[in-house]
Protein backbone atom coordinates (compact mmCIF):
# COMPACT_ATOMS: atom_id res chain seq x y z
CA MET A 1 6.58 -246.32 104.25
CA ARG A 2 5.47 -249.01 101.82
CA SER A 3 3.23 -246.60 99.89
CA ALA A 4 6.11 -244.12 99.65
CA THR A 5 8.36 -246.84 98.24
CA ILE A 6 5.73 -247.84 95.68
CA GLY A 7 5.28 -244.19 94.73
CA SER A 8 9.02 -243.78 94.24
CA VAL A 9 9.18 -246.91 92.08
CA LEU A 10 6.26 -245.75 89.94
CA ALA A 11 7.81 -242.29 89.58
CA GLY A 12 11.10 -243.88 88.54
CA LEU A 13 9.37 -246.07 85.96
CA LEU A 14 7.51 -243.07 84.58
CA ALA A 15 10.73 -241.07 84.34
CA LEU A 16 12.40 -243.99 82.55
CA LEU A 17 9.47 -244.31 80.14
CA LEU A 18 9.72 -240.61 79.30
CA ALA A 19 13.50 -240.78 78.93
CA VAL A 20 13.63 -243.84 76.65
CA PRO A 21 12.64 -242.02 73.41
CA LEU A 22 15.24 -239.32 74.08
CA LEU A 23 17.91 -241.93 74.79
CA VAL A 24 17.09 -243.67 71.50
CA VAL A 25 17.27 -240.38 69.57
CA ALA A 26 20.55 -239.49 71.30
CA GLY A 27 21.96 -242.89 70.34
CA VAL A 28 20.86 -242.46 66.73
CA SER A 29 22.50 -239.01 66.61
CA VAL A 30 25.99 -240.45 67.21
CA ASN A 31 25.85 -243.18 64.56
CA ALA A 32 29.07 -243.46 62.62
CA LYS A 33 27.10 -244.55 59.57
CA LYS A 34 24.45 -242.53 57.76
CA THR A 35 21.56 -244.48 59.21
CA LEU A 36 18.94 -244.12 61.93
CA SER A 37 19.69 -247.54 63.40
CA PHE A 38 19.72 -248.15 67.15
CA PRO A 39 21.90 -249.22 68.92
CA PRO A 40 24.35 -246.91 67.09
CA GLN A 41 26.79 -248.48 64.65
CA GLY A 42 30.01 -246.89 65.81
CA PHE A 43 30.37 -243.45 67.37
CA SER A 44 30.66 -240.09 65.63
CA LEU A 45 29.83 -236.46 66.45
CA SER A 46 30.09 -235.40 62.83
CA TRP A 47 26.31 -235.07 62.54
CA TYR A 48 26.33 -232.40 65.24
CA ALA A 49 29.12 -230.60 63.41
CA GLU A 50 27.07 -230.70 60.21
CA ILE A 51 24.40 -228.54 61.85
CA PHE A 52 26.95 -225.71 61.98
CA THR A 53 29.07 -226.46 58.91
CA ASP A 54 26.44 -227.34 56.30
CA PRO A 55 25.04 -224.10 54.79
CA GLY A 56 21.49 -225.44 54.69
CA TRP A 57 21.36 -226.59 58.32
CA ARG A 58 23.31 -223.57 59.56
CA GLY A 59 20.95 -221.21 57.76
CA ALA A 60 17.92 -223.00 59.21
CA LEU A 61 19.44 -222.75 62.70
CA VAL A 62 20.03 -219.01 62.29
CA ASN A 63 16.49 -218.55 60.96
CA SER A 64 15.02 -220.46 63.90
CA LEU A 65 17.00 -218.52 66.50
CA THR A 66 16.18 -215.20 64.82
CA LEU A 67 12.49 -216.01 64.53
CA ALA A 68 12.29 -217.24 68.13
CA GLY A 69 14.16 -214.22 69.50
CA LEU A 70 12.21 -211.56 67.59
CA SER A 71 8.78 -213.14 68.04
CA SER A 72 9.35 -213.74 71.76
CA ALA A 73 10.43 -210.15 72.29
CA LEU A 74 7.37 -208.92 70.38
CA SER A 75 5.06 -211.18 72.37
CA VAL A 76 6.41 -209.68 75.61
CA LEU A 77 5.89 -206.18 74.22
CA ILE A 78 2.29 -207.09 73.43
CA ALA A 79 1.62 -208.86 76.73
CA PHE A 80 3.16 -206.27 79.06
CA PRO A 81 0.74 -203.36 78.49
CA LEU A 82 -2.19 -205.79 78.51
CA ALA A 83 -1.13 -207.34 81.82
CA TRP A 84 -0.41 -203.87 83.23
CA PHE A 85 -3.87 -202.65 82.20
CA LEU A 86 -5.60 -205.68 83.71
CA TRP A 87 -3.74 -205.17 87.00
CA ARG A 88 -3.99 -201.37 87.18
CA TRP A 89 -7.66 -201.05 86.30
CA LYS A 90 -9.84 -203.90 87.56
CA ALA A 91 -12.78 -203.29 85.24
CA PRO A 92 -15.02 -206.35 84.68
CA TRP A 93 -15.07 -205.80 80.94
CA ALA A 94 -11.25 -205.75 80.85
CA ARG A 95 -11.25 -209.55 81.19
CA ALA A 96 -12.41 -209.70 77.59
CA PHE A 97 -8.94 -208.54 76.58
CA GLU A 98 -7.38 -211.27 78.71
CA ILE A 99 -9.51 -213.90 77.01
CA LEU A 100 -8.55 -212.41 73.66
CA GLY A 101 -4.89 -212.76 74.59
CA MET A 102 -5.39 -216.41 75.55
CA THR A 103 -7.40 -217.40 72.47
CA PRO A 104 -4.58 -217.97 69.89
CA PHE A 105 -2.86 -220.47 72.19
CA ILE A 106 -6.06 -222.19 73.35
CA LEU A 107 -7.35 -222.90 69.85
CA PRO A 108 -5.96 -225.94 67.97
CA PRO A 109 -2.72 -224.83 66.25
CA VAL A 110 -3.99 -225.82 62.81
CA ILE A 111 -6.98 -223.49 63.16
CA THR A 112 -4.78 -220.60 64.26
CA ALA A 113 -2.33 -221.36 61.45
CA LEU A 114 -5.11 -221.40 58.84
CA GLY A 115 -6.33 -218.08 60.21
CA PHE A 116 -2.87 -216.57 59.74
CA LEU A 117 -2.63 -218.07 56.25
CA SER A 118 -5.95 -216.53 55.24
CA PHE A 119 -5.08 -213.15 56.71
CA TRP A 120 -1.59 -212.83 55.21
CA SER A 121 -2.83 -214.04 51.83
CA ALA A 122 -5.71 -211.55 51.89
CA ILE A 123 -3.39 -208.57 52.42
CA GLY A 124 -0.75 -209.87 49.99
CA ALA A 125 1.95 -210.45 52.61
CA TYR A 126 2.10 -214.26 52.50
CA GLY A 127 5.68 -215.50 52.26
CA GLN A 128 7.27 -212.42 53.85
CA GLN A 129 9.59 -213.41 56.68
CA TRP A 130 8.26 -210.76 59.05
CA THR A 131 4.83 -212.40 58.92
CA ALA A 132 6.26 -215.44 60.72
CA VAL A 133 7.58 -213.14 63.48
CA VAL A 134 4.19 -211.49 63.94
CA SER A 135 2.34 -214.82 63.75
CA HIS A 136 4.54 -216.45 66.38
CA ALA A 137 4.31 -213.37 68.59
CA VAL A 138 0.51 -213.46 68.51
CA PHE A 139 0.38 -217.25 68.82
CA PHE A 140 2.63 -217.35 71.90
CA VAL A 141 1.54 -214.10 73.56
CA THR A 142 -0.40 -216.20 76.08
CA LEU A 143 2.83 -217.36 77.74
CA PRO A 144 4.26 -213.94 78.71
CA LEU A 145 0.72 -212.77 79.47
CA VAL A 146 0.35 -215.52 82.07
CA THR A 147 3.79 -214.99 83.62
CA LEU A 148 3.36 -211.21 83.70
CA SER A 149 -0.10 -211.56 85.24
CA LEU A 150 1.47 -213.65 87.99
CA GLY A 151 4.21 -211.04 88.37
CA PHE A 152 1.75 -208.16 88.68
CA ALA A 153 -0.36 -210.17 91.14
CA ALA A 154 2.72 -210.50 93.35
CA VAL A 155 3.33 -206.73 93.44
CA ASP A 156 2.44 -205.13 96.74
CA ARG A 157 0.17 -202.21 95.91
CA SER A 158 1.43 -200.34 98.96
CA TYR A 159 4.68 -199.74 97.03
CA VAL A 160 2.70 -198.01 94.29
CA GLU A 161 0.77 -195.97 96.84
CA ALA A 162 3.98 -194.96 98.60
CA ALA A 163 5.59 -193.86 95.33
CA SER A 164 2.49 -191.89 94.36
CA THR A 165 2.41 -190.21 97.79
CA MET A 166 5.99 -189.05 97.21
CA GLY A 167 4.97 -187.36 93.96
CA ALA A 168 5.72 -190.02 91.35
CA ASP A 169 3.34 -190.08 88.39
CA ASP A 170 2.19 -193.28 86.67
CA ARG A 171 5.16 -193.26 84.31
CA ALA A 172 7.68 -192.92 87.14
CA VAL A 173 5.93 -195.63 89.16
CA LEU A 174 6.03 -197.96 86.18
CA ARG A 175 9.72 -197.30 85.55
CA THR A 176 11.05 -197.30 89.13
CA VAL A 177 8.70 -199.65 90.98
CA ILE A 178 6.79 -201.96 88.67
CA LEU A 179 9.43 -202.84 86.08
CA PRO A 180 12.10 -204.00 88.59
CA LEU A 181 9.52 -206.21 90.33
CA VAL A 182 8.09 -207.87 87.22
CA ARG A 183 11.33 -208.08 85.21
CA PRO A 184 11.95 -211.76 86.18
CA TYR A 185 8.47 -212.60 84.91
CA MET A 186 9.15 -210.76 81.65
CA ILE A 187 12.32 -212.78 81.18
CA SER A 188 10.51 -216.02 82.01
CA GLY A 189 7.70 -215.24 79.57
CA PHE A 190 10.28 -214.50 76.90
CA ALA A 191 12.05 -217.79 77.63
CA PHE A 192 8.85 -219.86 77.45
CA ALA A 193 7.83 -218.25 74.16
CA PHE A 194 11.38 -218.64 72.78
CA VAL A 195 11.51 -222.38 73.47
CA LEU A 196 8.11 -223.08 71.89
CA SER A 197 8.78 -220.81 68.92
CA LEU A 198 12.06 -222.62 68.29
CA ASN A 199 10.20 -225.92 67.95
CA GLU A 200 7.02 -224.69 66.24
CA TYR A 201 6.32 -225.80 62.66
CA ILE A 202 2.76 -225.38 61.43
CA VAL A 203 2.24 -221.64 62.14
CA ALA A 204 5.62 -220.78 60.62
CA TYR A 205 4.91 -222.90 57.57
CA MET A 206 1.44 -221.40 57.08
CA SER A 207 2.96 -217.90 57.31
CA VAL A 208 5.98 -218.18 55.01
CA GLY A 209 5.72 -221.57 53.30
CA PHE A 210 9.17 -222.70 52.20
CA THR A 211 10.48 -219.16 51.59
CA MET A 212 12.19 -219.30 55.00
CA GLU A 213 13.48 -222.58 56.35
CA THR A 214 13.49 -222.92 60.11
CA LEU A 215 14.91 -226.10 61.62
CA PRO A 216 11.49 -227.82 61.91
CA ILE A 217 10.70 -226.91 58.28
CA LYS A 218 14.20 -227.99 57.23
CA ILE A 219 13.67 -231.38 58.88
CA PHE A 220 10.37 -231.80 57.06
CA ASN A 221 12.00 -230.93 53.74
CA ALA A 222 14.95 -233.25 54.40
CA LEU A 223 12.60 -236.18 55.01
CA ARG A 224 11.82 -236.22 51.29
CA TYR A 225 15.41 -237.26 50.59
CA GLY A 226 15.76 -239.89 53.31
CA TYR A 227 16.57 -240.10 56.98
CA THR A 228 19.93 -238.97 58.35
CA PRO A 229 21.31 -238.75 61.91
CA VAL A 230 21.45 -234.96 61.50
CA MET A 231 17.73 -234.86 62.24
CA ALA A 232 18.32 -236.70 65.50
CA SER A 233 21.18 -234.33 66.31
CA VAL A 234 18.87 -231.33 65.82
CA THR A 235 16.36 -232.95 68.18
CA VAL A 236 19.00 -233.42 70.87
CA LEU A 237 20.13 -229.82 70.33
CA PHE A 238 16.54 -228.61 70.84
CA VAL A 239 16.26 -230.62 74.05
CA ALA A 240 19.59 -229.28 75.30
CA ILE A 241 18.59 -225.66 74.64
CA THR A 242 15.26 -226.23 76.37
CA ALA A 243 16.94 -227.85 79.38
CA VAL A 244 19.42 -224.97 79.71
CA ILE A 245 16.71 -222.30 79.48
CA PHE A 246 14.38 -223.96 81.98
CA GLY A 247 17.35 -224.76 84.21
CA LEU A 248 18.24 -221.07 84.33
CA ILE A 249 14.62 -220.18 85.12
CA ALA A 250 14.56 -222.76 87.90
CA ARG A 251 17.89 -221.46 89.24
CA PHE A 252 17.20 -217.74 89.15
CA GLY A 253 13.39 -217.57 89.01
CA ASP A 254 10.36 -218.99 90.77
CA LEU A 255 9.61 -221.88 88.43
CA PRO A 256 6.89 -223.56 90.58
CA ARG A 257 4.97 -220.27 90.77
CA LEU A 258 5.36 -219.68 87.05
CA LEU A 259 3.93 -223.15 86.43
CA GLY A 260 0.89 -222.31 88.54
CA ALA A 261 1.87 -223.37 92.06
CA TRP A 262 1.03 -220.64 94.57
CA SER A 263 2.96 -220.29 97.78
CA LYS A 264 1.26 -220.78 101.15
CA SER A 265 1.37 -217.05 101.80
CA ASP A 266 -0.73 -216.25 98.70
């Protein structure tokens, strides 16, 4: 009993330690004055409104959401056939493709970003907005690849055998059996990639420079002109979006399994 109490106290202290920076940022974001002081001097939500009313911040928000949505969808499109191939045909050499899919995310981001910079510059595409979409899709393809691999591993192969026995070809099996079973894992992989793409800076910057301002790039640019509570408001907005997305995954998906915890029946 005593050890459980100590564990609860330590867990509470750890949670408080992790929450303190966010509480400070949240307090700064409601300052009535244009300062990053804490505790806040007065109370105002005008800095949150500026994200949507100021053309610069609104444009950066739209760019970030567009980039995150398109790149996450593309990463799922890349990961799905790879995960399907690895599950359908268990060839030893096929694991090389899995390692290849993991590599961009395993390497330090600056190395991956420099690789993208060199590649896009070599083919004359540096600065094009679509290069950021492709770069983020490749960089975050590991996330949907992992979730889809877990989804395929959970598929009972007897369903596939039963469908094949009834005359369904591989295409029909994929459409009527596999896709409905792995769809939650596709959505989860998209959500994970979306959240990280929304917050990512260095790969986007190395792909397009300042020709397209996402919110992280906009914050970096704004720092040259001084600190404002809008930056803190954007941070709180990021945290809120992340909390909503992961809350939905936890509510409608199997979040512990997606994070690597296998059930007792596995």
